[in-house]
C-alpha atoms as a PDB file:
ATOM      1  CA  MET A   1       0.000   0.000   0.000  1.00  0.00           C
ATOM      2  CA  THR A   2       1.305   3.455  -0.928  1.00  0.00           C
ATOM      3  CA  ARG A   3       2.015   5.665   2.059  1.00  0.00           C
ATOM      4  CA  SER A   4      -0.266   8.682   2.281  1.00  0.00           C
ATOM      5  CA  ARG A   5       1.670  11.898   1.851  1.00  0.00           C
ATOM      6  CA  LYS A   6       1.709  14.263   4.830  1.00  0.00           C
ATOM      7  CA  LEU A   7       0.908  17.956   4.521  1.00  0.00           C
ATOM      8  CA  LEU A   8       1.567  20.362   7.374  1.00  0.00           C
ATOM      9  CA  LEU A   9      -0.906  23.226   7.066  1.00  0.00           C
ATOM     10  CA  THR A  10      -0.268  26.160   9.388  1.00  0.00           C
ATOM     11  CA  GLY A  11      -3.202  28.459   9.979  1.00  0.00           C
ATOM     12  CA  GLY A  12      -5.618  25.643   9.255  1.00  0.00           C
ATOM     13  CA  GLY A  13      -8.371  27.266  11.286  1.00  0.00           C
ATOM     14  CA  GLY A  14      -8.544  30.349   9.066  1.00  0.00           C
ATOM     15  CA  MET A  15     -10.560  30.901   5.906  1.00  0.00           C
ATOM     16  CA  VAL A  16      -7.750  29.853   3.559  1.00  0.00           C
ATOM     17  CA  GLY A  17      -6.861  26.780   5.598  1.00  0.00           C
ATOM     18  CA  ARG A  18     -10.443  25.577   5.929  1.00  0.00           C
ATOM     19  CA  ASN A  19     -11.160  26.011   2.222  1.00  0.00           C
ATOM     20  CA  LEU A  20      -7.949  24.150   1.431  1.00  0.00           C
ATOM     21  CA  ALA A  21      -8.803  21.254   3.758  1.00  0.00           C
ATOM     22  CA  GLU A  22     -12.112  20.816   1.898  1.00  0.00           C
ATOM     23  CA  HIS A  23     -10.459  20.489  -1.529  1.00  0.00           C
ATOM     24  CA  ALA A  24     -11.227  17.093  -3.043  1.00  0.00           C
ATOM     25  CA  ALA A  25      -7.676  16.660  -4.394  1.00  0.00           C
ATOM     26  CA  LEU A  26      -6.305  16.549  -0.842  1.00  0.00           C
ATOM     27  CA  ALA A  27      -8.193  13.352  -0.062  1.00  0.00           C
ATOM     28  CA  ASP A  28      -4.981  11.390  -0.691  1.00  0.00           C
ATOM     29  CA  TRP A  29      -3.010  13.517   1.775  1.00  0.00           C
ATOM     30  CA  THR A  30      -2.833  13.250   5.545  1.00  0.00           C
ATOM     31  CA  ILE A  31      -3.300  16.832   6.727  1.00  0.00           C
ATOM     32  CA  LEU A  32      -1.584  17.962   9.914  1.00  0.00           C
ATOM     33  CA  SER A  33      -3.165  21.190  11.108  1.00  0.00           C
ATOM     34  CA  PRO A  34      -2.238  21.871  14.745  1.00  0.00           C
ATOM     35  CA  THR A  35      -4.152  24.544  16.620  1.00  0.00           C
ATOM     36  CA  ARG A  36      -2.362  27.372  18.396  1.00  0.00           C
ATOM     37  CA  GLY A  37      -2.848  25.491  21.646  1.00  0.00           C
ATOM     38  CA  GLU A  38      -1.207  22.399  20.191  1.00  0.00           C
ATOM     39  CA  LEU A  39       1.738  24.218  18.602  1.00  0.00           C
ATOM     40  CA  ASP A  40       3.000  27.738  19.293  1.00  0.00           C
ATOM     41  CA  LEU A  41       4.682  28.727  16.038  1.00  0.00           C
ATOM     42  CA  THR A  42       6.431  31.659  17.745  1.00  0.00           C
ATOM     43  CA  ASP A  43       8.441  29.047  19.684  1.00  0.00           C
ATOM     44  CA  TYR A  44      11.238  27.799  17.417  1.00  0.00           C
ATOM     45  CA  VAL A  45      12.173  24.805  19.586  1.00  0.00           C
ATOM     46  CA  ALA A  46       8.579  23.584  19.645  1.00  0.00           C
ATOM     47  CA  THR A  47       8.126  24.208  15.917  1.00  0.00           C
ATOM     48  CA  GLN A  48      11.325  22.345  15.039  1.00  0.00           C
ATOM     49  CA  ALA A  49      10.398  19.427  17.309  1.00  0.00           C
ATOM     50  CA  TYR A  50       6.941  19.148  15.732  1.00  0.00           C
ATOM     51  CA  ILE A  51       8.259  19.119  12.171  1.00  0.00           C
ATOM     52  CA  GLU A  52      11.057  16.699  13.044  1.00  0.00           C
ATOM     53  CA  ARG A  53       8.561  14.362  14.712  1.00  0.00           C
ATOM     54  CA  HIS A  54       5.966  14.328  11.926  1.00  0.00           C
ATOM     55  CA  ARG A  55       8.283  14.668   8.903  1.00  0.00           C
ATOM     56  CA  PRO A  56       5.726  16.182   6.482  1.00  0.00           C
ATOM     57  CA  ASP A  57       6.281  15.791   2.737  1.00  0.00           C
ATOM     58  CA  ALA A  58       5.205  19.401   2.189  1.00  0.00           C
ATOM     59  CA  ILE A  59       4.221  22.502   4.149  1.00  0.00           C
ATOM     60  CA  ILE A  60       1.722  25.231   3.317  1.00  0.00           C
ATOM     61  CA  HIS A  61       2.375  28.193   5.581  1.00  0.00           C
ATOM     62  CA  ALA A  62      -0.861  30.168   5.922  1.00  0.00           C
ATOM     63  CA  ALA A  63      -0.611  31.152   9.603  1.00  0.00           C
ATOM     64  CA  GLY A  64      -0.054  34.663  10.855  1.00  0.00           C
ATOM     65  CA  LYS A  65      -1.302  37.404  13.117  1.00  0.00           C
ATOM     66  CA  VAL A  66      -3.819  39.407  11.099  1.00  0.00           C
ATOM     67  CA  GLY A  67      -6.111  42.309  11.879  1.00  0.00           C
ATOM     68  CA  GLY A  68      -7.699  45.461  10.589  1.00  0.00           C
ATOM     69  CA  ILE A  69      -6.225  48.927  10.298  1.00  0.00           C
ATOM     70  CA  GLN A  70      -6.932  49.923  13.891  1.00  0.00           C
ATOM     71  CA  ALA A  71      -5.321  46.759  15.294  1.00  0.00           C
ATOM     72  CA  ASN A  72      -2.230  47.248  13.121  1.00  0.00           C
ATOM     73  CA  ILE A  73      -1.885  50.870  14.197  1.00  0.00           C
ATOM     74  CA  ALA A  74      -2.338  50.043  17.885  1.00  0.00           C
ATOM     75  CA  ASN A  75      -0.015  47.003  17.978  1.00  0.00           C
ATOM     76  CA  PRO A  76       2.751  47.438  15.377  1.00  0.00           C
ATOM     77  CA  VAL A  77       5.342  45.601  17.487  1.00  0.00           C
ATOM     78  CA  ARG A  78       3.242  42.440  17.758  1.00  0.00           C
ATOM     79  CA  PHE A  79       2.290  42.473  14.078  1.00  0.00           C
ATOM     80  CA  LEU A  80       5.953  42.732  13.101  1.00  0.00           C
ATOM     81  CA  VAL A  81       7.537  40.417  15.680  1.00  0.00           C
ATOM     82  CA  ASP A  82       4.882  37.682  15.809  1.00  0.00           C
ATOM     83  CA  ASN A  83       4.687  37.342  12.034  1.00  0.00           C
ATOM     84  CA  LEU A  84       8.459  37.553  11.672  1.00  0.00           C
ATOM     85  CA  ASP A  85       8.972  34.863  14.321  1.00  0.00           C
ATOM     86  CA  VAL A  86       6.314  32.566  12.869  1.00  0.00           C
ATOM     87  CA  GLY A  87       7.615  32.902   9.316  1.00  0.00           C
ATOM     88  CA  ARG A  88      11.245  32.373  10.278  1.00  0.00           C
ATOM     89  CA  ASN A  89      10.469  29.455  12.586  1.00  0.00           C
ATOM     90  CA  VAL A  90       8.368  27.510  10.084  1.00  0.00           C
ATOM     91  CA  VAL A  91      10.774  28.041   7.188  1.00  0.00           C
ATOM     92  CA  MET A  92      13.982  27.336   9.105  1.00  0.00           C
ATOM     93  CA  ALA A  93      12.544  24.316  10.930  1.00  0.00           C
ATOM     94  CA  ALA A  94      11.371  22.932   7.581  1.00  0.00           C
ATOM     95  CA  ARG A  95      14.835  23.355   6.126  1.00  0.00           C
ATOM     96  CA  HIS A  96      16.460  21.761   9.164  1.00  0.00           C
ATOM     97  CA  ALA A  97      14.148  18.737   8.818  1.00  0.00           C
ATOM     98  CA  GLY A  98      14.839  18.432   5.092  1.00  0.00           C
ATOM     99  CA  VAL A  99      11.265  19.212   3.962  1.00  0.00           C
ATOM    100  CA  SER A 100      11.709  19.850   0.244  1.00  0.00           C
ATOM    101  CA  VAL A 101       8.426  21.659  -0.601  1.00  0.00           C
ATOM    102  CA  LEU A 102       7.147  24.718   1.242  1.00  0.00           C
ATOM    103  CA  LEU A 103       4.488  27.092  -0.071  1.00  0.00           C
ATOM    104  CA  ASN A 104       4.537  30.384   1.794  1.00  0.00           C
ATOM    105  CA  LEU A 105       1.522  32.688   1.599  1.00  0.00           C
ATOM    106  CA  GLY A 106       2.413  36.346   1.298  1.00  0.00           C
ATOM    107  CA  SER A 107       0.121  39.361   1.104  1.00  0.00           C
ATOM    108  CA  SER A 108      -0.511  42.140  -1.379  1.00  0.00           C
ATOM    109  CA  CYS A 109       0.387  44.591   1.408  1.00  0.00           C
ATOM    110  CA  MET A 110       3.999  43.633   0.564  1.00  0.00           C
ATOM    111  CA  TYR A 111       3.741  45.991  -2.419  1.00  0.00           C
ATOM    112  CA  PRO A 112       4.574  49.706  -2.336  1.00  0.00           C
ATOM    113  CA  ARG A 113       1.680  52.063  -1.727  1.00  0.00           C
ATOM    114  CA  GLY A 114       0.190  54.455  -4.247  1.00  0.00           C
ATOM    115  CA  HIS A 115       0.067  52.317  -7.394  1.00  0.00           C
ATOM    116  CA  ASP A 116      -3.089  52.198  -9.507  1.00  0.00           C
ATOM    117  CA  ALA A 117      -1.657  49.881 -12.168  1.00  0.00           C
ATOM    118  CA  ALA A 118      -1.575  46.112 -11.673  1.00  0.00           C
ATOM    119  CA  LEU A 119       1.104  45.194  -9.123  1.00  0.00           C
ATOM    120  CA  ARG A 120       3.974  43.055 -10.434  1.00  0.00           C
ATOM    121  CA  GLU A 121       6.075  40.730  -8.288  1.00  0.00           C
ATOM    122  CA  GLU A 122       9.304  42.580  -9.089  1.00  0.00           C
ATOM    123  CA  GLN A 123       7.873  45.710  -7.404  1.00  0.00           C
ATOM    124  CA  VAL A 124       8.343  44.249  -3.907  1.00  0.00           C
ATOM    125  CA  LEU A 125      10.928  46.381  -2.035  1.00  0.00           C
ATOM    126  CA  THR A 126      10.835  49.160  -4.625  1.00  0.00           C
ATOM    127  CA  GLY A 127       8.938  51.787  -2.632  1.00  0.00           C
ATOM    128  CA  GLU A 128       7.319  52.947   0.599  1.00  0.00           C
ATOM    129  CA  LEU A 129       4.893  50.534   2.244  1.00  0.00           C
ATOM    130  CA  GLU A 130       1.437  51.486   3.474  1.00  0.00           C
ATOM    131  CA  PRO A 131       2.193  52.905   6.968  1.00  0.00           C
ATOM    132  CA  THR A 132      -0.926  51.471   8.623  1.00  0.00           C
ATOM    133  CA  ASN A 133       0.234  47.855   8.163  1.00  0.00           C
ATOM    134  CA  GLU A 134       3.946  48.336   7.610  1.00  0.00           C
ATOM    135  CA  GLY A 135       5.051  45.926  10.370  1.00  0.00           C
ATOM    136  CA  TYR A 136       2.946  43.081   8.999  1.00  0.00           C
ATOM    137  CA  ALA A 137       4.198  43.785   5.464  1.00  0.00           C
ATOM    138  CA  ILE A 138       7.862  43.819   6.539  1.00  0.00           C
ATOM    139  CA  ALA A 139       7.444  40.423   8.219  1.00  0.00           C
ATOM    140  CA  LYS A 140       5.807  38.982   5.099  1.00  0.00           C
ATOM    141  CA  ILE A 141       8.571  40.356   2.866  1.00  0.00           C
ATOM    142  CA  ALA A 142      11.287  38.945   5.135  1.00  0.00           C
ATOM    143  CA  THR A 143       9.719  35.475   5.081  1.00  0.00           C
ATOM    144  CA  ALA A 144       9.397  35.561   1.287  1.00  0.00           C
ATOM    145  CA  ARG A 145      13.028  36.603   0.927  1.00  0.00           C
ATOM    146  CA  LEU A 146      14.126  33.871   3.323  1.00  0.00           C
ATOM    147  CA  CYS A 147      12.410  31.301   1.098  1.00  0.00           C
ATOM    148  CA  SER A 148      14.182  32.733  -1.959  1.00  0.00           C
ATOM    149  CA  TYR A 149      17.579  32.735  -0.224  1.00  0.00           C
ATOM    150  CA  ILE A 150      17.211  29.096   0.836  1.00  0.00           C
ATOM    151  CA  ARG A 151      16.367  28.088  -2.713  1.00  0.00           C
ATOM    152  CA  ARG A 152      19.303  30.171  -4.013  1.00  0.00           C
ATOM    153  CA  GLU A 153      21.685  28.282  -1.737  1.00  0.00           C
ATOM    154  CA  ASP A 154      20.193  24.880  -2.537  1.00  0.00           C
ATOM    155  CA  PRO A 155      17.742  24.538  -5.481  1.00  0.00           C
ATOM    156  CA  ALA A 156      16.575  21.182  -4.096  1.00  0.00           C
ATOM    157  CA  TYR A 157      14.438  23.159  -1.650  1.00  0.00           C
ATOM    158  CA  GLN A 158      11.294  24.266  -3.468  1.00  0.00           C
ATOM    159  CA  TYR A 159      10.386  27.107  -1.115  1.00  0.00           C
ATOM    160  CA  LYS A 160       8.053  29.419  -3.020  1.00  0.00           C
ATOM    161  CA  THR A 161       5.840  32.377  -2.100  1.00  0.00           C
ATOM    162  CA  LEU A 162       2.322  32.908  -3.435  1.00  0.00           C
ATOM    163  CA  ILE A 163       0.825  36.388  -3.047  1.00  0.00           C
ATOM    164  CA  PRO A 164      -2.983  36.211  -3.125  1.00  0.00           C
ATOM    165  CA  CYS A 165      -5.178  39.167  -3.925  1.00  0.00           C
ATOM    166  CA  ASN A 166      -8.033  39.999  -1.543  1.00  0.00           C
ATOM    167  CA  LEU A 167     -10.145  36.948  -0.722  1.00  0.00           C
ATOM    168  CA  TYR A 168     -13.681  36.109   0.314  1.00  0.00           C
ATOM    169  CA  GLY A 169     -15.616  32.885   0.668  1.00  0.00           C
ATOM    170  CA  ARG A 170     -16.817  30.160   2.984  1.00  0.00           C
ATOM    171  CA  TYR A 171     -15.574  30.573   6.577  1.00  0.00           C
ATOM    172  CA  ASP A 172     -15.269  34.333   6.067  1.00  0.00           C
ATOM    173  CA  LYS A 173     -15.959  36.860   8.844  1.00  0.00           C
ATOM    174  CA  PHE A 174     -19.254  38.722   8.481  1.00  0.00           C
ATOM    175  CA  ALA A 175     -19.392  40.836  11.660  1.00  0.00           C
ATOM    176  CA  PRO A 176     -19.050  44.537  10.715  1.00  0.00           C
ATOM    177  CA  GLN A 177     -16.044  45.091  12.991  1.00  0.00           C
ATOM    178  CA  HIS A 178     -14.081  42.261  11.320  1.00  0.00           C
ATOM    179  CA  SER A 179     -15.405  41.861   7.778  1.00  0.00           C
ATOM    180  CA  HIS A 180     -13.871  42.920   4.493  1.00  0.00           C
ATOM    181  CA  LEU A 181     -15.838  44.260   1.542  1.00  0.00           C
ATOM    182  CA  VAL A 182     -17.593  41.191   0.103  1.00  0.00           C
ATOM    183  CA  PRO A 183     -18.832  39.587   3.348  1.00  0.00           C
ATOM    184  CA  ALA A 184     -19.838  43.047   4.601  1.00  0.00           C
ATOM    185  CA  VAL A 185     -21.885  43.633   1.433  1.00  0.00           C
ATOM    186  CA  ILE A 186     -23.539  40.214   1.776  1.00  0.00           C
ATOM    187  CA  ALA A 187     -24.519  40.911   5.393  1.00  0.00           C
ATOM    188  CA  LYS A 188     -25.860  44.404   4.592  1.00  0.00           C
ATOM    189  CA  VAL A 189     -27.974  43.287   1.643  1.00  0.00           C
ATOM    190  CA  HIS A 190     -29.257  40.240   3.543  1.00  0.00           C
ATOM    191  CA  ASP A 191     -30.288  42.452   6.470  1.00  0.00           C
ATOM    192  CA  ALA A 192     -32.073  44.791   4.049  1.00  0.00           C
ATOM    193  CA  LYS A 193     -34.039  41.882   2.607  1.00  0.00           C
ATOM    194  CA  ILE A 194     -34.941  40.371   5.989  1.00  0.00           C
ATOM    195  CA  ASN A 195     -35.986  43.735   7.454  1.00  0.00           C
ATOM    196  CA  GLY A 196     -37.894  44.897   4.387  1.00  0.00           C
ATOM    197  CA  LEU A 197     -35.644  47.886   3.697  1.00  0.00           C
ATOM    198  CA  ASP A 198     -35.937  49.521   0.304  1.00  0.00           C
ATOM    199  CA  ALA A 199     -32.468  51.134   0.323  1.00  0.00           C
ATOM    200  CA  VAL A 200     -28.865  50.207   1.176  1.00  0.00           C
ATOM    201  CA  GLU A 201     -26.154  52.815   1.651  1.00  0.00           C
ATOM    202  CA  ILE A 202     -22.867  52.674  -0.261  1.00  0.00           C
ATOM    203  CA  TRP A 203     -19.985  54.830   0.902  1.00  0.00           C
ATOM    204  CA  GLY A 204     -18.748  57.126  -1.863  1.00  0.00           C
ATOM    205  CA  ASP A 205     -19.973  56.955  -5.443  1.00  0.00           C
ATOM    206  CA  GLY A 206     -19.167  53.244  -5.767  1.00  0.00           C
ATOM    207  CA  SER A 207     -16.670  53.695  -8.589  1.00  0.00           C
ATOM    208  CA  ALA A 208     -13.600  52.567  -6.619  1.00  0.00           C
ATOM    209  CA  ARG A 209     -12.358  49.211  -7.890  1.00  0.00           C
ATOM    210  CA  ARG A 210     -11.427  46.118  -5.877  1.00  0.00           C
ATOM    211  CA  GLU A 211     -10.104  42.653  -6.764  1.00  0.00           C
ATOM    212  CA  PHE A 212     -11.609  39.877  -4.631  1.00  0.00           C
ATOM    213  CA  MET A 213     -11.100  36.200  -5.471  1.00  0.00           C
ATOM    214  CA  TYR A 214     -13.101  33.302  -4.068  1.00  0.00           C
ATOM    215  CA  ALA A 215     -10.992  31.495  -1.440  1.00  0.00           C
ATOM    216  CA  GLY A 216     -11.768  28.117  -2.971  1.00  0.00           C
ATOM    217  CA  ASP A 217      -9.873  29.209  -6.074  1.00  0.00           C
ATOM    218  CA  LEU A 218      -6.768  29.975  -4.010  1.00  0.00           C
ATOM    219  CA  ALA A 219      -7.104  26.499  -2.510  1.00  0.00           C
ATOM    220  CA  ASP A 220      -7.174  25.090  -6.034  1.00  0.00           C
ATOM    221  CA  ALA A 221      -3.979  26.961  -6.952  1.00  0.00           C
ATOM    222  CA  LEU A 222      -2.257  25.706  -3.797  1.00  0.00           C
ATOM    223  CA  VAL A 223      -3.227  22.097  -4.494  1.00  0.00           C
ATOM    224  CA  ARG A 224      -1.815  22.349  -8.006  1.00  0.00           C
ATOM    225  CA  ALA A 225       1.341  23.940  -6.636  1.00  0.00           C
ATOM    226  CA  LEU A 226       1.939  21.045  -4.238  1.00  0.00           C
ATOM    227  CA  ASP A 227       2.620  18.747  -7.177  1.00  0.00           C
ATOM    228  CA  SER A 228       4.150  21.423  -9.415  1.00  0.00           C
ATOM    229  CA  ALA A 229       6.337  23.379  -6.992  1.00  0.00           C
ATOM    230  CA  ALA A 230       9.375  23.064  -9.240  1.00  0.00           C
ATOM    231  CA  THR A 231       7.584  24.941 -12.025  1.00  0.00           C
ATOM    232  CA  LEU A 232       6.503  27.838  -9.797  1.00  0.00           C
ATOM    233  CA  PRO A 233       8.382  31.143  -9.880  1.00  0.00           C
ATOM    234  CA  ASP A 234      10.030  32.043  -6.560  1.00  0.00           C
ATOM    235  CA  MET A 235       7.248  34.600  -6.043  1.00  0.00           C
ATOM    236  CA  MET A 236       3.899  34.633  -7.835  1.00  0.00           C
ATOM    237  CA  ASN A 237       0.676  36.593  -7.523  1.00  0.00           C
ATOM    238  CA  VAL A 238      -2.534  34.585  -7.367  1.00  0.00           C
ATOM    239  CA  GLY A 239      -5.579  36.556  -8.386  1.00  0.00           C
ATOM    240  CA  LEU A 240      -8.173  37.356 -10.989  1.00  0.00           C
ATOM    241  CA  GLY A 241      -6.117  39.844 -12.967  1.00  0.00           C
ATOM    242  CA  TYR A 242      -9.192  42.070 -13.206  1.00  0.00           C
ATOM    243  CA  ASP A 243     -11.410  43.898 -10.754  1.00  0.00           C
ATOM    244  CA  TYR A 244     -14.933  45.174 -10.152  1.00  0.00           C
ATOM    245  CA  THR A 245     -16.370  48.450  -8.914  1.00  0.00           C
ATOM    246  CA  ILE A 246     -17.927  48.645  -5.464  1.00  0.00           C
ATOM    247  CA  ASN A 247     -21.270  49.161  -7.202  1.00  0.00           C
ATOM    248  CA  GLU A 248     -20.814  45.886  -9.091  1.00  0.00           C
ATOM    249  CA  TYR A 249     -20.191  43.941  -5.877  1.00  0.00           C
ATOM    250  CA  TYR A 250     -23.395  45.332  -4.375  1.00  0.00           C
ATOM    251  CA  ALA A 251     -25.368  44.568  -7.536  1.00  0.00           C
ATOM    252  CA  ALA A 252     -24.080  40.981  -7.665  1.00  0.00           C
ATOM    253  CA  ALA A 253     -24.943  40.413  -4.005  1.00  0.00           C
ATOM    254  CA  ALA A 254     -28.454  41.844  -4.486  1.00  0.00           C
ATOM    255  CA  ASN A 255     -29.026  39.555  -7.456  1.00  0.00           C
ATOM    256  CA  VAL A 256     -27.895  36.441  -5.548  1.00  0.00           C
ATOM    257  CA  ILE A 257     -29.803  37.309  -2.372  1.00  0.00           C
ATOM    258  CA  GLY A 258     -32.930  38.367  -4.239  1.00  0.00           C
ATOM    259  CA  TRP A 259     -33.204  41.880  -2.860  1.00  0.00           C
ATOM    260  CA  GLN A 260     -34.732  44.390  -5.278  1.00  0.00           C
ATOM    261  CA  GLY A 261     -34.232  47.669  -3.460  1.00  0.00           C
ATOM    262  CA  ARG A 262     -32.112  50.649  -4.437  1.00  0.00           C
ATOM    263  CA  PHE A 263     -28.646  51.837  -3.517  1.00  0.00           C
ATOM    264  CA  VAL A 264     -27.977  55.262  -2.009  1.00  0.00           C
ATOM    265  CA  HIS A 265     -24.495  56.744  -2.290  1.00  0.00           C
ATOM    266  CA  ASN A 266     -23.160  58.680   0.692  1.00  0.00           C
ATOM    267  CA  LEU A 267     -20.537  60.962  -0.816  1.00  0.00           C
ATOM    268  CA  ASP A 268     -19.451  62.230   2.615  1.00  0.00           C
ATOM    269  CA  ARG A 269     -18.031  58.876   3.697  1.00  0.00           C
ATOM    270  CA  PRO A 270     -14.434  57.719   3.023  1.00  0.00           C
ATOM    271  CA  VAL A 271     -13.819  55.248   0.193  1.00  0.00           C
ATOM    272  CA  GLY A 272     -10.129  54.353   0.609  1.00  0.00           C
ATOM    273  CA  MET A 273      -7.767  53.796  -2.298  1.00  0.00           C
ATOM    274  CA  ALA A 274      -9.093  53.986  -5.840  1.00  0.00           C
ATOM    275  CA  ARG A 275      -7.679  50.624  -6.885  1.00  0.00           C
ATOM    276  CA  LYS A 276      -5.529  47.646  -5.814  1.00  0.00           C
ATOM    277  CA  LEU A 277      -4.997  44.971  -8.459  1.00  0.00           C
ATOM    278  CA  VAL A 278      -2.341  42.265  -8.856  1.00  0.00           C
ATOM    279  CA  ASP A 279      -0.704  41.416 -12.156  1.00  0.00           C
ATOM    280  CA  THR A 280      -1.318  37.771 -13.089  1.00  0.00           C
ATOM    281  CA  THR A 281       1.144  37.385 -15.980  1.00  0.00           C
ATOM    282  CA  ARG A 282       3.323  34.864 -14.120  1.00  0.00           C
ATOM    283  CA  GLN A 283       0.226  32.982 -12.984  1.00  0.00           C
ATOM    284  CA  ARG A 284      -1.087  32.719 -16.552  1.00  0.00           C
ATOM    285  CA  ASP A 285       2.332  31.606 -17.790  1.00  0.00           C
ATOM    286  CA  TRP A 286       2.272  28.918 -15.089  1.00  0.00           C
ATOM    287  CA  GLY A 287      -1.023  27.723 -16.568  1.00  0.00           C
ATOM    288  CA  TRP A 288      -3.617  28.465 -13.896  1.00  0.00           C
ATOM    289  CA  GLN A 289      -6.541  30.856 -13.584  1.00  0.00           C
ATOM    290  CA  ALA A 290      -9.406  31.326 -11.151  1.00  0.00           C
ATOM    291  CA  SER A 291     -12.617  29.625 -12.287  1.00  0.00           C
ATOM    292  CA  THR A 292     -15.299  30.927  -9.905  1.00  0.00           C
ATOM    293  CA  SER A 293     -17.436  33.778 -11.244  1.00  0.00           C
ATOM    294  CA  LEU A 294     -18.347  36.658  -8.958  1.00  0.00           C
ATOM    295  CA  GLU A 295     -22.004  35.620  -8.642  1.00  0.00           C
ATOM    296  CA  ASN A 296     -21.097  31.969  -8.115  1.00  0.00           C
ATOM    297  CA  GLY A 297     -18.602  32.886  -5.402  1.00  0.00           C
ATOM    298  CA  ILE A 298     -21.081  35.180  -3.682  1.00  0.00           C
ATOM    299  CA  ARG A 299     -23.743  32.445  -3.901  1.00  0.00           C
ATOM    300  CA  LYS A 300     -21.477  29.901  -2.168  1.00  0.00           C
ATOM    301  CA  THR A 301     -20.464  32.452   0.444  1.00  0.00           C
ATOM    302  CA  TYR A 302     -24.076  33.490   1.060  1.00  0.00           C
ATOM    303  CA  HIS A 303     -25.124  29.871   1.577  1.00  0.00           C
ATOM    304  CA  PHE A 304     -22.382  29.523   4.189  1.00  0.00           C
ATOM    305  CA  TYR A 305     -23.557  32.776   5.820  1.00  0.00           C
ATOM    306  CA  LEU A 306     -27.110  31.421   6.075  1.00  0.00           C
ATOM    307  CA  GLU A 307     -25.864  28.154   7.562  1.00  0.00           C
ATOM    308  CA  GLU A 308     -23.972  30.080  10.252  1.00  0.00           C
ATOM    309  CA  GLN A 309     -26.941  32.225  11.319  1.00  0.00           C
ATOM    310  CA  PRO A 310     -28.231  31.384  14.817  1.00  0.00           C
END
């Protein structure tokens, strides 16, 4: 009987990790996904001991301390140090144990601020970072560079970094204080339908553009990468390569949910940056693209939202 391959998945309790664990192609893998209580990734000795003991065939590193703007501003030391420690510990312990495949998840906050054009991988470390999450971004950049340096010293180690665009999907956070755009839109439109409201407010004129990919598509890219790590670039964006206006996200959610009211634009409210889009040239050259349409992704996410309602 062929031995089942072992995958160590850090951050398995998050949206990315839970979508990945559900992917049908991982049925032949034994997934190790320790909770924070079972393994403190900020502790190098414990991390090394765990990896040495279980000897995974591959690692997907999706763990990290994440939070919104206010949390990043209030706790920059923790966002830098915790993410730096976790990234270093997982990567170095993997190398010490001889794990040959490691997929490290970066973040689009690694890119310089103030760019409206699609962000290319070679732009990392070419300009000023967004100050509100600079510590988190620095930690992500350092971990990505560490993976590249290890591969430079020994090409047998396929340590690659994938940089996803913004994500939404099953296991997302819908509470207003924690949610990003798509789950927030779903919750607002759902509440309007349930409460019989004929209008939903949109901040600004709705023309700002955002790129959000369904998390199940990122899981699909990661599964393909597990068996094709050697063909991956050292660093690669994973995204749609195109974006939608805020108005289009609201319209898609209304269509899925079945709400037929109207949208009211509040031009006195902040709208944030005009655009943030990742370039997917390397991804297309690698031979992969996201397959979930906006309405399909919202439909799957909305069904999960309904299942989670008390």
